[in-house]
Structures are given as structure tokens and as C-alpha cells.
């Protein structure tokens, strides 16, 4: 079994890379025109290769904070940088999403009528990578998660665990430096959730990526370097 990865073209980076991949300074977020405060004055730094869990009950604001840190949403006030870049600027946010950041969600967001391989190709379209290298990367990742035999299967024919493993592969296709995972095991049974979670941590560790994980399951905080309890809008050490 060959698990040596074919090398894709390197991701361009402007200037020297910062030591922290994520920096948040005095971040606030509310909804209903300010009547519902969710995130209140969060300060946070996440280092390269670090795995950080955002743990909290449903409605605690952990997913809101993850969306803010990833640039999917904007804070009411405060500053956030990803790899030294400001994600509030649309052009910068697109650059980050295409080249430097990967996402894994509770709902896999795969296209059911396409095959696993076709879904894995999608993140690479904007980068115009050679098809042979893209497919080699897809085969490498599929083998890593035990799904090389499913590359030509349509997503609608995969099990829930197989779909989420496919979503992990898709998030890693462009070798991102940061992975944001929002309840990636929330729709799975406990046994499958354990398998998927361990695969996620092993793969991102091998890739050298940082991970920010939002979860309501405290079991998964133990596999991370650091855990923060999201409670009443604050991020507190667990």
C-alpha cells in the first residue's frame, strides 16, 4: 500500500508567516440588533499545529465563535486575523478559503449526485491545479481514511460515516494550514463519531495543520492540546 503523498504546487504566502495562525482581540457578537449578546470580549491566540476545542452546550455560542474566527461571519467589534490576514475583507477571505483554510461541518455539505472523487476535486477548481495532481491527492487522502474503494461511488450511496470521512478529505485537498470543524461528529452514532474524530485528528496532525473544533461532546476535548469552555459569551480555559 503506497501512502506516500504526491506533491502539489506550493501555496504562495506573502511575507514571513506569523507564529499564531489565529488571533482574536476583544471580539463581540450579538444578534437581534444587539438585543441578544452571544460573544462578549473574547481574546484568543492559536498557534501553528495546535488543536483547540471550543466546548459548550447547545446555544452557548461555540459555533458563532468558530464562524467568527474562520471569517464566515464578522464581529460587531474587535479584530480577528488568520495567518496575519484580515478576513473581513472579501478579497482576503476568498484567498484564505481557497488556499489556507479548510472546513468540516456537521452536515457534510457534499453534492449527493456526484461521486466521492468529483466532490474532492471541487476545492481545487479555483486554483487550476493539474488534474493528474488533484486526482493523485484525492486518492492519497481516500486511502488514508480507508475509502479508496469508494472514490467512484456517488455520495448518496455512502453511509453517514463515509460521507463525513469524505468531508475531511475535501477539507484537506488544498493542504490548508488551518482546519475549522463545526460539530463534525454531531450527526453520527457514538462509535462512528469516535472513528471520524480520531481520523480527523490523525490526518491534520500528519498534515501539520492547526485545528479549531466546536463540539458539545466533552469527550473530544481530551484529544486536543487545549480546550476552552464557551459560556455566557466568554471563552474560559477548561
Protein backbone atom coordinates (compact mmCIF):
# COMPACT_ATOMS: atom_id res chain seq x y z
CA UNK A 1 0.00 0.00 0.00
CA UNK A 2 1.55 3.27 -1.08
CA UNK A 3 0.80 6.15 1.29
CA UNK A 4 3.49 8.48 0.01
CA UNK A 5 1.79 11.68 -0.98
CA UNK A 6 2.29 13.24 -4.41
CA UNK A 7 3.32 16.85 -4.00
CA UNK A 8 1.06 19.59 -5.27
CA UNK A 9 2.21 23.06 -6.13
CA UNK A 10 3.13 25.09 -3.04
CA UNK A 11 0.70 27.63 -1.65
CA UNK A 12 2.05 31.16 -2.07
CA UNK A 13 2.44 33.20 1.09
CA UNK A 14 3.03 36.92 1.36
CA UNK A 15 5.95 37.74 3.65
CA UNK A 16 7.01 35.91 6.78
CA UNK A 17 4.36 33.71 8.36
CA UNK A 18 3.18 34.70 11.84
CA UNK A 19 3.73 32.34 14.78
CA UNK A 20 -0.01 32.39 15.58
CA UNK A 21 -2.43 31.25 12.91
CA UNK A 22 -5.46 32.84 14.61
CA UNK A 23 -5.52 35.99 16.72
CA UNK A 24 -8.74 37.44 18.18
CA UNK A 25 -8.74 40.69 20.14
CA UNK A 26 -11.77 41.86 22.15
CA UNK A 27 -14.29 40.18 19.84
CA UNK A 28 -18.02 40.82 20.36
CA UNK A 29 -21.05 39.48 18.51
CA UNK A 30 -24.78 39.84 19.09
CA UNK A 31 -27.98 39.17 17.19
CA UNK A 32 -31.44 40.79 17.00
CA UNK A 33 -29.90 44.25 16.57
CA UNK A 34 -27.82 43.90 19.69
CA UNK A 35 -30.58 42.56 21.92
CA UNK A 36 -29.10 39.04 22.08
CA UNK A 37 -25.40 39.07 23.06
CA UNK A 38 -23.59 35.85 22.10
CA UNK A 39 -19.83 36.52 22.17
CA UNK A 40 -18.52 39.07 24.65
CA UNK A 41 -14.94 40.33 24.62
CA UNK A 42 -13.14 37.13 23.57
CA UNK A 43 -9.36 37.23 23.32
CA UNK A 44 -7.63 34.21 21.82
CA UNK A 45 -4.47 33.08 20.06
CA UNK A 46 -4.00 29.72 18.35
CA UNK A 47 -0.54 28.55 17.38
CA UNK A 48 0.71 26.58 14.40
CA UNK A 49 -0.12 22.90 14.61
CA UNK A 50 -2.25 23.44 17.72
CA UNK A 51 -5.56 21.63 18.18
CA UNK A 52 -8.05 23.71 20.17
CA UNK A 53 -11.54 22.62 21.20
CA UNK A 54 -14.37 25.09 21.75
CA UNK A 55 -16.68 23.19 24.07
CA UNK A 56 -20.14 24.23 25.21
CA UNK A 57 -23.78 23.27 25.35
CA UNK A 58 -26.21 23.94 22.52
CA UNK A 59 -26.72 27.68 22.16
CA UNK A 60 -23.57 28.58 24.09
CA UNK A 61 -22.06 30.44 21.13
CA UNK A 62 -19.29 27.98 20.25
CA UNK A 63 -20.35 27.73 16.59
CA UNK A 64 -20.78 31.50 16.41
CA UNK A 65 -17.24 31.96 17.71
CA UNK A 66 -15.89 29.39 15.25
CA UNK A 67 -17.63 31.18 12.37
CA UNK A 68 -16.11 34.48 13.51
CA UNK A 69 -12.61 33.01 13.84
CA UNK A 70 -12.88 31.45 10.37
CA UNK A 71 -14.10 34.61 8.66
CA UNK A 72 -17.51 33.13 7.78
CA UNK A 73 -19.09 35.85 9.92
CA UNK A 74 -17.97 39.29 11.08
CA UNK A 75 -17.79 40.54 14.67
CA UNK A 76 -19.71 43.61 15.81
CA UNK A 77 -16.42 44.90 17.12
CA UNK A 78 -12.93 43.64 17.77
CA UNK A 79 -10.23 42.30 15.47
CA UNK A 80 -9.51 38.87 14.04
CA UNK A 81 -6.59 37.82 11.86
CA UNK A 82 -5.96 34.50 10.13
CA UNK A 83 -2.31 33.90 9.21
CA UNK A 84 -1.80 37.63 9.68
CA UNK A 85 -4.57 38.50 7.21
CA UNK A 86 -7.85 40.32 7.85
CA UNK A 87 -10.78 38.05 6.85
CA UNK A 88 -13.27 40.93 6.99
CA UNK A 89 -12.05 41.98 3.54
CA UNK A 90 -13.85 39.96 0.89
CA UNK A 91 -10.81 39.51 -1.35
CA UNK A 92 -8.71 38.32 1.58
CA UNK A 93 -11.45 35.99 2.81
CA UNK A 94 -11.68 34.34 -0.60
CA UNK A 95 -7.92 33.90 -0.72
CA UNK A 96 -7.94 32.31 2.74
CA UNK A 97 -10.81 29.94 1.90
CA UNK A 98 -9.25 28.87 -1.38
CA UNK A 99 -5.69 28.35 -0.24
CA UNK A 100 -5.18 28.32 3.51
CA UNK A 101 -8.35 27.25 5.33
CA UNK A 102 -10.46 24.07 5.27
CA UNK A 103 -13.91 23.40 6.75
CA UNK A 104 -15.66 20.32 8.12
CA UNK A 105 -19.29 20.78 9.19
CA UNK A 106 -21.86 18.64 11.00
CA UNK A 107 -23.81 18.39 7.76
CA UNK A 108 -21.16 17.31 5.29
CA UNK A 109 -22.34 19.71 2.52
CA UNK A 110 -21.28 17.29 -0.20
CA UNK A 111 -23.09 17.13 -3.56
CA UNK A 112 -25.06 13.85 -3.41
CA UNK A 113 -25.32 13.26 -7.18
CA UNK A 114 -21.55 13.47 -7.64
CA UNK A 115 -19.04 10.76 -6.82
CA UNK A 116 -16.60 10.98 -3.96
CA UNK A 117 -13.77 11.82 -6.37
CA UNK A 118 -15.82 14.54 -8.09
CA UNK A 119 -16.58 16.13 -4.72
CA UNK A 120 -12.91 16.07 -3.77
CA UNK A 121 -11.96 17.86 -6.98
CA UNK A 122 -14.21 20.86 -6.28
CA UNK A 123 -11.93 22.80 -3.86
CA UNK A 124 -9.13 22.67 -6.45
CA UNK A 125 -11.06 24.26 -9.32
CA UNK A 126 -10.26 27.84 -8.31
CA UNK A 127 -6.56 27.05 -8.04
CA UNK A 128 -6.43 25.44 -11.52
CA UNK A 129 -4.18 22.65 -10.38
CA UNK A 130 -3.24 19.95 -12.92
CA UNK A 131 -5.96 17.28 -12.98
CA UNK A 132 -3.42 14.47 -12.56
CA UNK A 133 -2.04 16.02 -9.36
CA UNK A 134 -5.53 16.73 -7.99
CA UNK A 135 -6.64 13.15 -8.54
CA UNK A 136 -3.43 11.82 -7.02
CA UNK A 137 -4.04 13.94 -3.91
CA UNK A 138 -7.64 12.67 -3.75
CA UNK A 139 -6.51 9.04 -3.98
CA UNK A 140 -3.89 9.62 -1.29
CA UNK A 141 -6.41 11.09 1.15
CA UNK A 142 -9.07 8.49 0.33
CA UNK A 143 -6.57 5.74 1.13
CA UNK A 144 -5.68 7.45 4.40
CA UNK A 145 -9.33 7.31 5.57
CA UNK A 146 -9.97 3.82 4.20
CA UNK A 147 -12.19 4.89 1.30
CA UNK A 148 -10.06 4.29 -1.79
CA UNK A 149 -12.62 1.70 -2.88
CA UNK A 150 -15.39 4.33 -2.75
CA UNK A 151 -13.89 7.03 -4.97
CA UNK A 152 -16.27 6.29 -7.85
CA UNK A 153 -19.35 5.88 -5.60
CA UNK A 154 -21.98 8.61 -5.51
CA UNK A 155 -22.28 10.42 -2.19
CA UNK A 156 -25.92 9.37 -1.88
CA UNK A 157 -24.74 5.74 -1.71
CA UNK A 158 -22.25 6.33 1.14
CA UNK A 159 -23.01 5.83 4.82
CA UNK A 160 -23.02 8.77 7.24
CA UNK A 161 -19.54 7.93 8.48
CA UNK A 162 -18.21 7.57 4.95
CA UNK A 163 -19.68 10.93 3.99
CA UNK A 164 -18.03 12.64 6.93
CA UNK A 165 -14.70 10.99 6.14
CA UNK A 166 -15.13 12.31 2.59
CA UNK A 167 -15.78 15.78 4.01
CA UNK A 168 -12.50 15.57 5.94
CA UNK A 169 -10.66 14.63 2.74
CA UNK A 170 -12.27 17.53 0.90
CA UNK A 171 -11.19 19.96 3.63
CA UNK A 172 -7.58 18.80 3.23
CA UNK A 173 -7.39 18.79 -0.58
CA UNK A 174 -5.51 22.10 -0.87
CA UNK A 175 -3.22 21.36 2.11
CA UNK A 176 -4.70 24.14 4.29
CA UNK A 177 -2.82 25.47 7.28
CA UNK A 178 -5.98 25.76 9.38
CA UNK A 179 -8.98 23.43 9.69
CA UNK A 180 -12.26 24.63 11.23
CA UNK A 181 -14.52 21.77 12.33
CA UNK A 182 -18.04 22.64 13.50
CA UNK A 183 -19.62 19.66 15.31
CA UNK A 184 -18.10 17.26 12.73
CA UNK A 185 -19.43 14.20 14.57
CA UNK A 186 -22.77 15.64 15.71
CA UNK A 187 -24.89 13.62 13.27
CA UNK A 188 -23.12 10.29 13.87
CA UNK A 189 -23.62 7.47 16.35
CA UNK A 190 -21.07 7.28 19.17
CA UNK A 191 -18.91 4.54 17.69
CA UNK A 192 -18.75 6.13 14.23
CA UNK A 193 -18.16 9.53 15.82
CA UNK A 194 -15.09 8.19 17.63
CA UNK A 195 -13.70 6.77 14.39
CA UNK A 196 -14.26 10.01 12.46
CA UNK A 197 -12.86 12.20 15.24
CA UNK A 198 -9.70 10.13 15.57
CA UNK A 199 -9.21 10.15 11.80
CA UNK A 200 -9.60 13.92 11.73
CA UNK A 201 -7.00 14.48 14.45
CA UNK A 202 -4.55 11.98 12.98
CA UNK A 203 -4.78 13.41 9.47
CA UNK A 204 -4.48 17.07 10.42
CA UNK A 205 -1.58 16.19 12.70
CA UNK A 206 0.20 14.46 9.82
CA UNK A 207 -0.52 17.47 7.60
CA UNK A 208 0.79 19.89 10.24
CA UNK A 209 -2.42 21.93 10.24
CA UNK A 210 -3.97 23.75 13.16
CA UNK A 211 -7.48 22.68 14.19
CA UNK A 212 -10.27 24.67 15.81
CA UNK A 213 -13.04 22.27 16.81
CA UNK A 214 -16.50 23.27 18.06
CA UNK A 215 -18.18 20.44 19.96
CA UNK A 216 -20.82 19.80 22.61
CA UNK A 217 -19.23 16.44 23.47
CA UNK A 218 -16.64 16.88 26.20
CA UNK A 219 -15.05 13.51 25.33
CA UNK A 220 -13.49 15.08 22.26
CA UNK A 221 -11.78 17.87 24.19
CA UNK A 222 -9.34 15.30 25.61
CA UNK A 223 -7.81 14.68 22.20
CA UNK A 224 -6.89 18.35 21.73
CA UNK A 225 -3.91 20.30 23.02
CA UNK A 226 -6.15 22.88 24.67
CA UNK A 227 -9.86 23.27 25.40
CA UNK A 228 -11.96 26.37 26.02
CA UNK A 229 -15.37 26.35 27.68
CA UNK A 230 -17.70 28.73 25.85
CA UNK A 231 -20.10 30.03 28.48
CA UNK A 232 -22.14 33.24 28.62
CA UNK A 233 -20.20 34.68 25.71
CA UNK A 234 -16.77 34.06 27.23
CA UNK A 235 -14.01 31.61 26.29
CA UNK A 236 -12.72 30.11 29.53
CA UNK A 237 -9.94 27.53 29.98
CA UNK A 238 -11.45 24.10 30.59
